[in-house]
Amino acid sequence: MQASQILAELGPVLTGERDLANTAGAALDIVMAAVRASSGALFRFQDKPPMLSSIANIFTHLPAPRVRKLFPASALTCS
C-alpha cells in the first residue's frame, strides 16, 4: 500500500466526529493493516506525573488501557 493511499484512508478517520478512543483505534487499524502488523499500540504522554497511557492497542495478551509510569530521566527524553 502506498503512502498516499494510507493518508487517504486516515483523513476521514482523523477528521470525523468521534471520541479519542474510537479515532485512535480506527487509525491504528489502518496503519497496522498497511504495514501488515499483527500487534500495535498508540500512547499518550503525560508529564505530571510522567507516564505513558495507551489510547489504543491491538494485543491479544494485554488488556486495555495500559499505563506505564516513567522515571524522571525517561520523561525528559519524551518531552
N, C-alpha and C. Protein backbone atom coordinates (compact mmCIF):
# COMPACT_ATOMS: atom_id res chain seq x y z
N MET A 1 0.85 -1.18 0.00
CA MET A 1 0.00 0.00 0.00
C MET A 1 0.90 1.24 0.00
N GLN A 2 0.57 2.21 -0.82
CA GLN A 2 1.36 3.43 -0.93
C GLN A 2 0.98 4.43 0.16
N ALA A 3 1.92 5.31 0.46
CA ALA A 3 1.69 6.32 1.50
C ALA A 3 0.47 7.17 1.19
N SER A 4 0.26 7.51 -0.07
CA SER A 4 -0.90 8.33 -0.43
C SER A 4 -2.22 7.60 -0.15
N GLN A 5 -2.24 6.30 -0.35
CA GLN A 5 -3.44 5.52 -0.05
C GLN A 5 -3.70 5.48 1.45
N ILE A 6 -2.64 5.31 2.23
CA ILE A 6 -2.79 5.28 3.69
C ILE A 6 -3.32 6.63 4.18
N LEU A 7 -2.74 7.72 3.68
CA LEU A 7 -3.20 9.05 4.09
C LEU A 7 -4.64 9.29 3.67
N ALA A 8 -5.02 8.80 2.49
CA ALA A 8 -6.40 8.96 2.02
C ALA A 8 -7.37 8.22 2.95
N GLU A 9 -6.97 7.07 3.46
CA GLU A 9 -7.83 6.33 4.38
C GLU A 9 -7.84 6.96 5.77
N LEU A 10 -6.71 7.51 6.20
CA LEU A 10 -6.64 8.12 7.53
C LEU A 10 -7.39 9.43 7.62
N GLY A 11 -7.45 10.19 6.53
CA GLY A 11 -8.09 11.50 6.54
C GLY A 11 -9.48 11.52 7.17
N PRO A 12 -10.43 10.75 6.63
CA PRO A 12 -11.78 10.75 7.20
C PRO A 12 -11.83 10.24 8.64
N VAL A 13 -10.95 9.32 8.97
CA VAL A 13 -10.93 8.78 10.34
C VAL A 13 -10.49 9.86 11.32
N LEU A 14 -9.44 10.58 10.98
CA LEU A 14 -8.89 11.59 11.89
C LEU A 14 -9.73 12.85 11.98
N THR A 15 -10.50 13.14 10.94
CA THR A 15 -11.31 14.37 10.96
C THR A 15 -12.76 14.11 11.34
N GLY A 16 -13.13 12.86 11.55
CA GLY A 16 -14.50 12.53 11.91
C GLY A 16 -14.84 12.95 13.32
N GLU A 17 -16.12 12.99 13.60
CA GLU A 17 -16.59 13.39 14.93
C GLU A 17 -16.80 12.17 15.80
N ARG A 18 -15.69 11.66 16.33
CA ARG A 18 -15.72 10.53 17.24
C ARG A 18 -14.86 10.86 18.44
N ASP A 19 -15.00 10.08 19.50
CA ASP A 19 -14.14 10.31 20.66
C ASP A 19 -12.74 9.79 20.38
N LEU A 20 -11.79 10.17 21.22
CA LEU A 20 -10.39 9.86 21.00
C LEU A 20 -10.13 8.35 20.93
N ALA A 21 -10.76 7.59 21.79
CA ALA A 21 -10.53 6.14 21.79
C ALA A 21 -10.95 5.50 20.47
N ASN A 22 -12.11 5.87 19.95
CA ASN A 22 -12.58 5.33 18.68
C ASN A 22 -11.71 5.79 17.51
N THR A 23 -11.34 7.08 17.52
CA THR A 23 -10.49 7.61 16.45
C THR A 23 -9.13 6.93 16.47
N ALA A 24 -8.53 6.82 17.65
CA ALA A 24 -7.21 6.19 17.76
C ALA A 24 -7.26 4.72 17.35
N GLY A 25 -8.28 4.01 17.75
CA GLY A 25 -8.41 2.61 17.37
C GLY A 25 -8.56 2.43 15.88
N ALA A 26 -9.37 3.27 15.25
CA ALA A 26 -9.56 3.17 13.80
C ALA A 26 -8.27 3.53 13.06
N ALA A 27 -7.57 4.57 13.52
CA ALA A 27 -6.30 4.95 12.89
C ALA A 27 -5.26 3.85 13.05
N LEU A 28 -5.21 3.26 14.22
CA LEU A 28 -4.26 2.16 14.46
C LEU A 28 -4.57 0.98 13.54
N ASP A 29 -5.83 0.66 13.36
CA ASP A 29 -6.22 -0.43 12.45
C ASP A 29 -5.71 -0.18 11.03
N ILE A 30 -5.87 1.04 10.55
CA ILE A 30 -5.45 1.38 9.18
C ILE A 30 -3.93 1.27 9.04
N VAL A 31 -3.20 1.83 9.99
CA VAL A 31 -1.74 1.79 9.90
C VAL A 31 -1.23 0.36 10.04
N MET A 32 -1.81 -0.41 10.94
CA MET A 32 -1.38 -1.80 11.12
C MET A 32 -1.65 -2.63 9.87
N ALA A 33 -2.79 -2.40 9.23
CA ALA A 33 -3.09 -3.12 8.00
C ALA A 33 -2.10 -2.75 6.89
N ALA A 34 -1.73 -1.47 6.85
CA ALA A 34 -0.82 -1.00 5.81
C ALA A 34 0.57 -1.62 5.94
N VAL A 35 1.01 -1.84 7.16
CA VAL A 35 2.36 -2.40 7.37
C VAL A 35 2.30 -3.89 7.72
N ARG A 36 1.10 -4.45 7.65
CA ARG A 36 0.89 -5.87 7.94
C ARG A 36 1.38 -6.27 9.33
N ALA A 37 1.08 -5.43 10.32
CA ALA A 37 1.47 -5.70 11.70
C ALA A 37 0.41 -6.54 12.40
N SER A 38 0.84 -7.43 13.25
CA SER A 38 -0.11 -8.26 13.98
C SER A 38 -0.46 -7.65 15.33
N SER A 39 0.33 -6.71 15.82
CA SER A 39 0.02 -6.03 17.07
C SER A 39 0.59 -4.62 17.03
N GLY A 40 0.01 -3.74 17.83
CA GLY A 40 0.46 -2.35 17.84
C GLY A 40 -0.24 -1.58 18.94
N ALA A 41 0.24 -0.37 19.19
CA ALA A 41 -0.35 0.47 20.23
C ALA A 41 -0.05 1.94 19.95
N LEU A 42 -0.94 2.80 20.43
CA LEU A 42 -0.74 4.24 20.42
C LEU A 42 -0.77 4.70 21.86
N PHE A 43 0.19 5.52 22.24
CA PHE A 43 0.28 6.00 23.61
C PHE A 43 0.18 7.51 23.68
N ARG A 44 -0.33 7.99 24.80
CA ARG A 44 -0.40 9.42 25.11
C ARG A 44 0.62 9.69 26.21
N PHE A 45 1.43 10.75 26.06
CA PHE A 45 2.42 11.12 27.06
C PHE A 45 1.81 12.13 28.01
N GLN A 46 2.03 11.91 29.29
CA GLN A 46 1.60 12.83 30.34
C GLN A 46 2.83 13.18 31.14
N ASP A 47 3.05 14.49 31.41
CA ASP A 47 4.29 14.86 32.09
C ASP A 47 4.19 14.96 33.60
N LYS A 48 3.01 15.13 34.18
CA LYS A 48 2.88 15.24 35.64
C LYS A 48 1.72 14.39 36.13
N PRO A 49 1.97 13.24 36.70
CA PRO A 49 3.23 12.53 36.84
C PRO A 49 3.63 11.94 35.49
N PRO A 50 4.92 11.73 35.28
CA PRO A 50 5.37 11.23 33.97
C PRO A 50 4.91 9.80 33.71
N MET A 51 4.13 9.62 32.63
CA MET A 51 3.65 8.29 32.28
C MET A 51 3.19 8.24 30.84
N LEU A 52 3.11 7.03 30.33
CA LEU A 52 2.52 6.75 29.03
C LEU A 52 1.24 5.98 29.28
N SER A 53 0.16 6.38 28.62
CA SER A 53 -1.12 5.68 28.73
C SER A 53 -1.55 5.26 27.33
N SER A 54 -1.93 4.01 27.18
CA SER A 54 -2.38 3.56 25.86
C SER A 54 -3.76 4.13 25.57
N ILE A 55 -3.92 4.63 24.36
CA ILE A 55 -5.24 5.10 23.94
C ILE A 55 -5.84 4.13 22.94
N ALA A 56 -5.01 3.26 22.40
CA ALA A 56 -5.49 2.19 21.51
C ALA A 56 -4.42 1.12 21.47
N ASN A 57 -4.83 -0.13 21.55
CA ASN A 57 -3.85 -1.20 21.37
C ASN A 57 -4.52 -2.43 20.79
N ILE A 58 -3.73 -3.16 20.05
CA ILE A 58 -4.16 -4.41 19.45
C ILE A 58 -3.17 -5.47 19.90
N PHE A 59 -3.40 -5.99 21.06
CA PHE A 59 -2.59 -7.06 21.61
C PHE A 59 -3.54 -8.13 22.12
N THR A 60 -3.24 -9.36 21.85
CA THR A 60 -4.11 -10.42 22.34
C THR A 60 -3.84 -10.73 23.81
N HIS A 61 -2.66 -10.40 24.30
CA HIS A 61 -2.30 -10.77 25.65
C HIS A 61 -2.28 -9.61 26.65
N LEU A 62 -2.59 -8.39 26.23
CA LEU A 62 -2.57 -7.24 27.12
C LEU A 62 -3.94 -6.57 27.16
N PRO A 63 -4.48 -6.34 28.34
CA PRO A 63 -5.77 -5.64 28.43
C PRO A 63 -5.59 -4.13 28.18
N ALA A 64 -6.64 -3.47 27.79
CA ALA A 64 -6.61 -2.02 27.61
C ALA A 64 -7.30 -1.37 28.79
N PRO A 65 -6.96 -0.20 29.22
CA PRO A 65 -5.80 0.57 28.82
C PRO A 65 -4.56 0.15 29.59
N ARG A 66 -3.41 0.38 29.03
CA ARG A 66 -2.13 0.10 29.67
C ARG A 66 -1.51 1.41 30.10
N VAL A 67 -0.95 1.44 31.31
CA VAL A 67 -0.29 2.64 31.82
C VAL A 67 1.12 2.27 32.21
N ARG A 68 2.06 3.08 31.82
CA ARG A 68 3.47 2.84 32.14
C ARG A 68 4.03 4.09 32.78
N LYS A 69 4.35 4.02 34.07
CA LYS A 69 4.98 5.16 34.74
C LYS A 69 6.42 5.26 34.27
N LEU A 70 6.88 6.49 34.11
CA LEU A 70 8.23 6.75 33.63
C LEU A 70 9.11 7.29 34.74
N PHE A 71 10.36 6.93 34.70
CA PHE A 71 11.33 7.53 35.61
C PHE A 71 11.64 8.93 35.12
N PRO A 72 12.05 9.84 36.01
CA PRO A 72 12.29 11.22 35.58
C PRO A 72 13.21 11.36 34.36
N ALA A 73 14.27 10.57 34.29
CA ALA A 73 15.18 10.68 33.15
C ALA A 73 14.48 10.27 31.85
N SER A 74 13.62 9.26 31.91
CA SER A 74 12.87 8.83 30.73
C SER A 74 11.87 9.89 30.30
N ALA A 75 11.26 10.55 31.26
CA ALA A 75 10.28 11.59 30.95
C ALA A 75 10.92 12.76 30.21
N LEU A 76 12.15 13.09 30.57
CA LEU A 76 12.83 14.19 29.90
C LEU A 76 13.08 13.91 28.44
N THR A 77 13.34 12.66 28.08
CA THR A 77 13.58 12.32 26.68
C THR A 77 12.29 12.30 25.87
N CYS A 78 11.13 12.19 26.53
CA CYS A 78 9.84 12.16 25.82
C CYS A 78 9.31 13.56 25.55
N SER A 79 9.71 14.54 26.33
CA SER A 79 9.14 15.88 26.16
C SER A 79 9.96 16.75 25.27
